[in-house]
Amino acid sequence: MNSIIRDCFDQLEHERIALLNKLTDVPPNGKLDYKPNDRKWSINEILMHLITSEKLTLNYLKKKSLGVDQLPNSRLLESLKMIVLKGSQRLPFLKFNAPKALIENTPQVTYFHEMARDWELSRRDFRKFLESIPEKDIHKLIYKHPVAGRFDIIQCLTFMQEHFNHHLPQINALLK
């Protein structure tokens, strides 16, 4: 696996494990299912959103990798779009609705431990996929963000990290 891809993925894994370890210690008093109001998500709903988002991303990446030779490489434009996208994820007053396809494909929340196991299996699958990417293809525009458009695999992993970090304050606030 490319070292930059490995570092990005390892960071995602480290933070996923740290979050799940923190949530494992939450007493089973309904805190993981608590919703402050009808428009806010519970911790378990946020987890299901993150898991589903990653699974759909992986499915899309696998599909696009079948024709990777036909895809163009990322350029300066994608780097600039990534800067804007990262900034948008970091501004607390900007709210985005989840894409329709993500909402339609998000399953019902299950028990925390089932979701944690599912996320672990999904991440293993993601790692295997990343290990299969030849060095010559790491800059191919293989990922399509629903708003910002196409990115390469490193930019995809960067967005996944930003997406995770975007939802982490919501989880932490619900834990208080």
C-alpha atoms as a PDB file:
ATOM      1  CA  MET A   1       0.000   0.000   0.000  1.00  0.00           C
ATOM      2  CA  ASN A   2       1.192   3.502  -0.818  1.00  0.00           C
ATOM      3  CA  SER A   3       2.662   5.115   2.327  1.00  0.00           C
ATOM      4  CA  ILE A   4       0.438   8.224   2.140  1.00  0.00           C
ATOM      5  CA  ILE A   5      -2.661   6.063   1.738  1.00  0.00           C
ATOM      6  CA  ARG A   6      -1.513   3.843   4.610  1.00  0.00           C
ATOM      7  CA  ASP A   7      -0.952   6.851   6.885  1.00  0.00           C
ATOM      8  CA  CYS A   8      -4.391   8.293   6.054  1.00  0.00           C
ATOM      9  CA  PHE A   9      -6.097   4.961   6.622  1.00  0.00           C
ATOM     10  CA  ASP A  10      -4.180   4.259   9.836  1.00  0.00           C
ATOM     11  CA  GLN A  11      -5.264   7.636  11.219  1.00  0.00           C
ATOM     12  CA  LEU A  12      -8.897   6.845  10.381  1.00  0.00           C
ATOM     13  CA  GLU A  13      -8.562   3.466  12.075  1.00  0.00           C
ATOM     14  CA  HIS A  14      -6.900   4.908  15.159  1.00  0.00           C
ATOM     15  CA  GLU A  15      -9.705   7.425  15.614  1.00  0.00           C
ATOM     16  CA  ARG A  16     -12.453   4.866  14.944  1.00  0.00           C
ATOM     17  CA  ILE A  17     -11.024   2.535  17.564  1.00  0.00           C
ATOM     18  CA  ALA A  18     -10.577   5.360  20.081  1.00  0.00           C
ATOM     19  CA  LEU A  19     -14.189   6.464  19.592  1.00  0.00           C
ATOM     20  CA  LEU A  20     -15.581   2.958  19.919  1.00  0.00           C
ATOM     21  CA  ASN A  21     -13.471   2.334  23.031  1.00  0.00           C
ATOM     22  CA  LYS A  22     -14.862   5.514  24.577  1.00  0.00           C
ATOM     23  CA  LEU A  23     -18.423   4.532  23.693  1.00  0.00           C
ATOM     24  CA  THR A  24     -17.991   0.958  24.942  1.00  0.00           C
ATOM     25  CA  ASP A  25     -17.631   2.371  28.456  1.00  0.00           C
ATOM     26  CA  VAL A  26     -20.923   4.286  28.250  1.00  0.00           C
ATOM     27  CA  PRO A  27     -23.389   2.657  30.641  1.00  0.00           C
ATOM     28  CA  PRO A  28     -26.400   1.088  28.942  1.00  0.00           C
ATOM     29  CA  ASN A  29     -28.816   3.767  30.171  1.00  0.00           C
ATOM     30  CA  GLY A  30     -30.041   4.888  26.787  1.00  0.00           C
ATOM     31  CA  LYS A  31     -27.384   7.584  26.313  1.00  0.00           C
ATOM     32  CA  LEU A  32     -26.345   6.117  22.969  1.00  0.00           C
ATOM     33  CA  ASP A  33     -29.948   6.350  21.767  1.00  0.00           C
ATOM     34  CA  TYR A  34     -30.733   9.761  23.286  1.00  0.00           C
ATOM     35  CA  LYS A  35     -31.887  12.427  20.816  1.00  0.00           C
ATOM     36  CA  PRO A  36     -32.116  16.031  22.056  1.00  0.00           C
ATOM     37  CA  ASN A  37     -34.969  16.648  19.592  1.00  0.00           C
ATOM     38  CA  ASP A  38     -36.552  15.231  16.437  1.00  0.00           C
ATOM     39  CA  ARG A  39     -34.106  17.038  14.145  1.00  0.00           C
ATOM     40  CA  LYS A  40     -30.962  15.809  15.901  1.00  0.00           C
ATOM     41  CA  TRP A  41     -29.360  12.391  15.674  1.00  0.00           C
ATOM     42  CA  SER A  42     -28.480  10.101  18.551  1.00  0.00           C
ATOM     43  CA  ILE A  43     -24.937   8.796  18.955  1.00  0.00           C
ATOM     44  CA  ASN A  44     -26.005   5.461  17.486  1.00  0.00           C
ATOM     45  CA  GLU A  45     -27.598   7.233  14.511  1.00  0.00           C
ATOM     46  CA  ILE A  46     -24.383   9.200  13.924  1.00  0.00           C
ATOM     47  CA  LEU A  47     -22.400   5.955  14.036  1.00  0.00           C
ATOM     48  CA  MET A  48     -24.770   4.294  11.567  1.00  0.00           C
ATOM     49  CA  HIS A  49     -24.440   7.357   9.309  1.00  0.00           C
ATOM     50  CA  LEU A  50     -20.627   7.138   9.377  1.00  0.00           C
ATOM     51  CA  ILE A  51     -20.627   3.394   8.762  1.00  0.00           C
ATOM     52  CA  THR A  52     -23.097   3.614   5.894  1.00  0.00           C
ATOM     53  CA  SER A  53     -21.257   6.540   4.342  1.00  0.00           C
ATOM     54  CA  GLU A  54     -18.022   4.550   4.336  1.00  0.00           C
ATOM     55  CA  LYS A  55     -19.687   1.424   2.943  1.00  0.00           C
ATOM     56  CA  LEU A  56     -21.306   3.361   0.106  1.00  0.00           C
ATOM     57  CA  THR A  57     -17.985   5.066  -0.587  1.00  0.00           C
ATOM     58  CA  LEU A  58     -16.207   1.715  -0.774  1.00  0.00           C
ATOM     59  CA  ASN A  59     -18.861   0.270  -3.069  1.00  0.00           C
ATOM     60  CA  TYR A  60     -18.499   3.267  -5.381  1.00  0.00           C
ATOM     61  CA  LEU A  61     -14.687   3.034  -5.332  1.00  0.00           C
ATOM     62  CA  LYS A  62     -14.803  -0.664  -6.207  1.00  0.00           C
ATOM     63  CA  LYS A  63     -17.147   0.026  -9.103  1.00  0.00           C
ATOM     64  CA  LYS A  64     -15.043   2.897 -10.460  1.00  0.00           C
ATOM     65  CA  SER A  65     -11.822   0.901 -10.067  1.00  0.00           C
ATOM     66  CA  LEU A  66     -13.067  -1.493 -12.753  1.00  0.00           C
ATOM     67  CA  GLY A  67     -12.530   1.269 -15.314  1.00  0.00           C
ATOM     68  CA  VAL A  68      -9.752   3.136 -13.550  1.00  0.00           C
ATOM     69  CA  ASP A  69      -7.628   3.374 -16.713  1.00  0.00           C
ATOM     70  CA  GLN A  70     -10.313   5.573 -18.274  1.00  0.00           C
ATOM     71  CA  LEU A  71     -10.283   8.072 -15.391  1.00  0.00           C
ATOM     72  CA  PRO A  72      -8.254  11.292 -15.463  1.00  0.00           C
ATOM     73  CA  ASN A  73      -5.722  12.174 -12.772  1.00  0.00           C
ATOM     74  CA  SER A  74      -6.388  14.772 -10.106  1.00  0.00           C
ATOM     75  CA  ARG A  75      -5.067  18.253 -10.748  1.00  0.00           C
ATOM     76  CA  LEU A  76      -4.759  21.587  -8.984  1.00  0.00           C
ATOM     77  CA  LEU A  77      -8.535  22.086  -9.253  1.00  0.00           C
ATOM     78  CA  GLU A  78      -9.218  19.048  -7.057  1.00  0.00           C
ATOM     79  CA  SER A  79      -6.670  20.254  -4.504  1.00  0.00           C
ATOM     80  CA  LEU A  80      -8.430  23.619  -4.349  1.00  0.00           C
ATOM     81  CA  LYS A  81     -11.843  21.967  -4.054  1.00  0.00           C
ATOM     82  CA  MET A  82     -10.510  19.847  -1.191  1.00  0.00           C
ATOM     83  CA  ILE A  83      -9.385  22.967   0.681  1.00  0.00           C
ATOM     84  CA  VAL A  84     -12.891  24.415   0.368  1.00  0.00           C
ATOM     85  CA  LEU A  85     -14.503  21.102   1.324  1.00  0.00           C
ATOM     86  CA  LYS A  86     -12.299  20.732   4.407  1.00  0.00           C
ATOM     87  CA  GLY A  87     -13.125  24.279   5.449  1.00  0.00           C
ATOM     88  CA  SER A  88     -16.830  23.629   5.076  1.00  0.00           C
ATOM     89  CA  GLN A  89     -16.593  20.599   7.375  1.00  0.00           C
ATOM     90  CA  ARG A  90     -14.820  22.631  10.055  1.00  0.00           C
ATOM     91  CA  LEU A  91     -17.258  25.525  10.288  1.00  0.00           C
ATOM     92  CA  PRO A  92     -19.737  24.711  13.061  1.00  0.00           C
ATOM     93  CA  PHE A  93     -22.432  27.048  11.742  1.00  0.00           C
ATOM     94  CA  LEU A  94     -22.563  25.347   8.323  1.00  0.00           C
ATOM     95  CA  LYS A  95     -25.086  22.542   8.311  1.00  0.00           C
ATOM     96  CA  PHE A  96     -25.415  20.058   5.471  1.00  0.00           C
ATOM     97  CA  ASN A  97     -28.127  17.526   4.911  1.00  0.00           C
ATOM     98  CA  ALA A  98     -26.954  14.007   4.264  1.00  0.00           C
ATOM     99  CA  PRO A  99     -27.215  13.099   0.558  1.00  0.00           C
ATOM    100  CA  LYS A 100     -30.488  11.455  -0.451  1.00  0.00           C
ATOM    101  CA  ALA A 101     -28.732   8.230  -1.517  1.00  0.00           C
ATOM    102  CA  LEU A 102     -27.088   7.978   1.901  1.00  0.00           C
ATOM    103  CA  ILE A 103     -30.379   8.518   3.725  1.00  0.00           C
ATOM    104  CA  GLU A 104     -32.172   5.974   1.531  1.00  0.00           C
ATOM    105  CA  ASN A 105     -29.463   3.349   2.094  1.00  0.00           C
ATOM    106  CA  THR A 106     -28.918   3.835   5.817  1.00  0.00           C
ATOM    107  CA  PRO A 107     -30.306   0.850   7.698  1.00  0.00           C
ATOM    108  CA  GLN A 108     -32.071   1.045  11.026  1.00  0.00           C
ATOM    109  CA  VAL A 109     -29.808   1.462  14.009  1.00  0.00           C
ATOM    110  CA  THR A 110     -28.891  -1.835  15.643  1.00  0.00           C
ATOM    111  CA  TYR A 111     -27.194  -2.542  18.941  1.00  0.00           C
ATOM    112  CA  PHE A 112     -23.966  -0.649  19.510  1.00  0.00           C
ATOM    113  CA  HIS A 113     -21.812  -3.788  19.568  1.00  0.00           C
ATOM    114  CA  GLU A 114     -23.318  -5.007  16.286  1.00  0.00           C
ATOM    115  CA  MET A 115     -22.580  -1.662  14.632  1.00  0.00           C
ATOM    116  CA  ALA A 116     -19.035  -1.667  16.019  1.00  0.00           C
ATOM    117  CA  ARG A 117     -18.440  -5.150  14.594  1.00  0.00           C
ATOM    118  CA  ASP A 118     -19.973  -4.160  11.266  1.00  0.00           C
ATOM    119  CA  TRP A 119     -17.702  -1.093  11.123  1.00  0.00           C
ATOM    120  CA  GLU A 120     -14.668  -3.236  11.863  1.00  0.00           C
ATOM    121  CA  LEU A 121     -15.525  -5.653   9.053  1.00  0.00           C
ATOM    122  CA  SER A 122     -16.185  -2.781   6.676  1.00  0.00           C
ATOM    123  CA  ARG A 123     -12.835  -1.207   7.512  1.00  0.00           C
ATOM    124  CA  ARG A 124     -11.057  -4.518   6.859  1.00  0.00           C
ATOM    125  CA  ASP A 125     -12.689  -4.602   3.443  1.00  0.00           C
ATOM    126  CA  PHE A 126     -11.644  -0.983   2.879  1.00  0.00           C
ATOM    127  CA  ARG A 127      -8.033  -1.820   3.802  1.00  0.00           C
ATOM    128  CA  LYS A 128      -7.991  -4.730   1.341  1.00  0.00           C
ATOM    129  CA  PHE A 129      -9.276  -2.443  -1.383  1.00  0.00           C
ATOM    130  CA  LEU A 130      -6.632   0.197  -0.626  1.00  0.00           C
ATOM    131  CA  GLU A 131      -3.919  -2.457  -0.683  1.00  0.00           C
ATOM    132  CA  SER A 132      -5.022  -3.420  -4.186  1.00  0.00           C
ATOM    133  CA  ILE A 133      -4.534   0.063  -5.685  1.00  0.00           C
ATOM    134  CA  PRO A 134      -1.452   0.172  -7.913  1.00  0.00           C
ATOM    135  CA  GLU A 135       0.883   3.104  -7.399  1.00  0.00           C
ATOM    136  CA  LYS A 136       0.138   4.341 -10.913  1.00  0.00           C
ATOM    137  CA  ASP A 137      -3.552   4.800 -10.023  1.00  0.00           C
ATOM    138  CA  ILE A 138      -3.409   6.707  -6.743  1.00  0.00           C
ATOM    139  CA  HIS A 139      -4.106  10.038  -8.457  1.00  0.00           C
ATOM    140  CA  LYS A 140      -7.014   8.789 -10.590  1.00  0.00           C
ATOM    141  CA  LEU A 141     -10.301  10.594  -9.915  1.00  0.00           C
ATOM    142  CA  ILE A 142     -11.979   7.497  -8.481  1.00  0.00           C
ATOM    143  CA  TYR A 143     -14.172   9.103  -5.786  1.00  0.00           C
ATOM    144  CA  LYS A 144     -17.178  11.338  -6.310  1.00  0.00           C
ATOM    145  CA  HIS A 145     -18.246  13.581  -3.461  1.00  0.00           C
ATOM    146  CA  PRO A 146     -21.980  14.388  -3.726  1.00  0.00           C
ATOM    147  CA  VAL A 147     -21.384  18.149  -3.754  1.00  0.00           C
ATOM    148  CA  ALA A 148     -17.716  18.831  -4.538  1.00  0.00           C
ATOM    149  CA  GLY A 149     -17.275  16.334  -7.350  1.00  0.00           C
ATOM    150  CA  ARG A 150     -14.419  13.992  -8.193  1.00  0.00           C
ATOM    151  CA  PHE A 151     -11.313  13.331  -6.112  1.00  0.00           C
ATOM    152  CA  ASP A 152      -8.467  10.823  -6.008  1.00  0.00           C
ATOM    153  CA  ILE A 153      -8.157   8.149  -3.320  1.00  0.00           C
ATOM    154  CA  ILE A 154      -5.937  10.233  -1.033  1.00  0.00           C
ATOM    155  CA  GLN A 155      -8.411  13.106  -1.225  1.00  0.00           C
ATOM    156  CA  CYS A 156     -11.216  10.613  -0.584  1.00  0.00           C
ATOM    157  CA  LEU A 157      -9.522   9.438   2.621  1.00  0.00           C
ATOM    158  CA  THR A 158      -8.900  13.058   3.584  1.00  0.00           C
ATOM    159  CA  PHE A 159     -12.601  13.773   3.227  1.00  0.00           C
ATOM    160  CA  MET A 160     -13.495  10.657   5.225  1.00  0.00           C
ATOM    161  CA  GLN A 161     -11.297  11.988   8.039  1.00  0.00           C
ATOM    162  CA  GLU A 162     -12.933  15.410   7.824  1.00  0.00           C
ATOM    163  CA  HIS A 163     -16.386  13.811   7.823  1.00  0.00           C
ATOM    164  CA  PHE A 164     -15.512  11.790  10.931  1.00  0.00           C
ATOM    165  CA  ASN A 165     -14.083  14.887  12.638  1.00  0.00           C
ATOM    166  CA  HIS A 166     -17.201  16.852  11.671  1.00  0.00           C
ATOM    167  CA  HIS A 167     -19.442  14.420  13.568  1.00  0.00           C
ATOM    168  CA  LEU A 168     -17.132  13.903  16.567  1.00  0.00           C
ATOM    169  CA  PRO A 169     -18.197  17.126  18.369  1.00  0.00           C
ATOM    170  CA  GLN A 170     -21.840  16.037  18.023  1.00  0.00           C
ATOM    171  CA  ILE A 171     -21.011  12.735  19.680  1.00  0.00           C
ATOM    172  CA  ASN A 172     -18.998  14.410  22.425  1.00  0.00           C
ATOM    173  CA  ALA A 173     -21.805  16.871  23.139  1.00  0.00           C
ATOM    174  CA  LEU A 174     -24.300  14.011  23.470  1.00  0.00           C
ATOM    175  CA  LEU A 175     -21.988  12.223  25.901  1.00  0.00           C
ATOM    176  CA  LYS A 176     -22.074  15.154  28.346  1.00  0.00           C
END
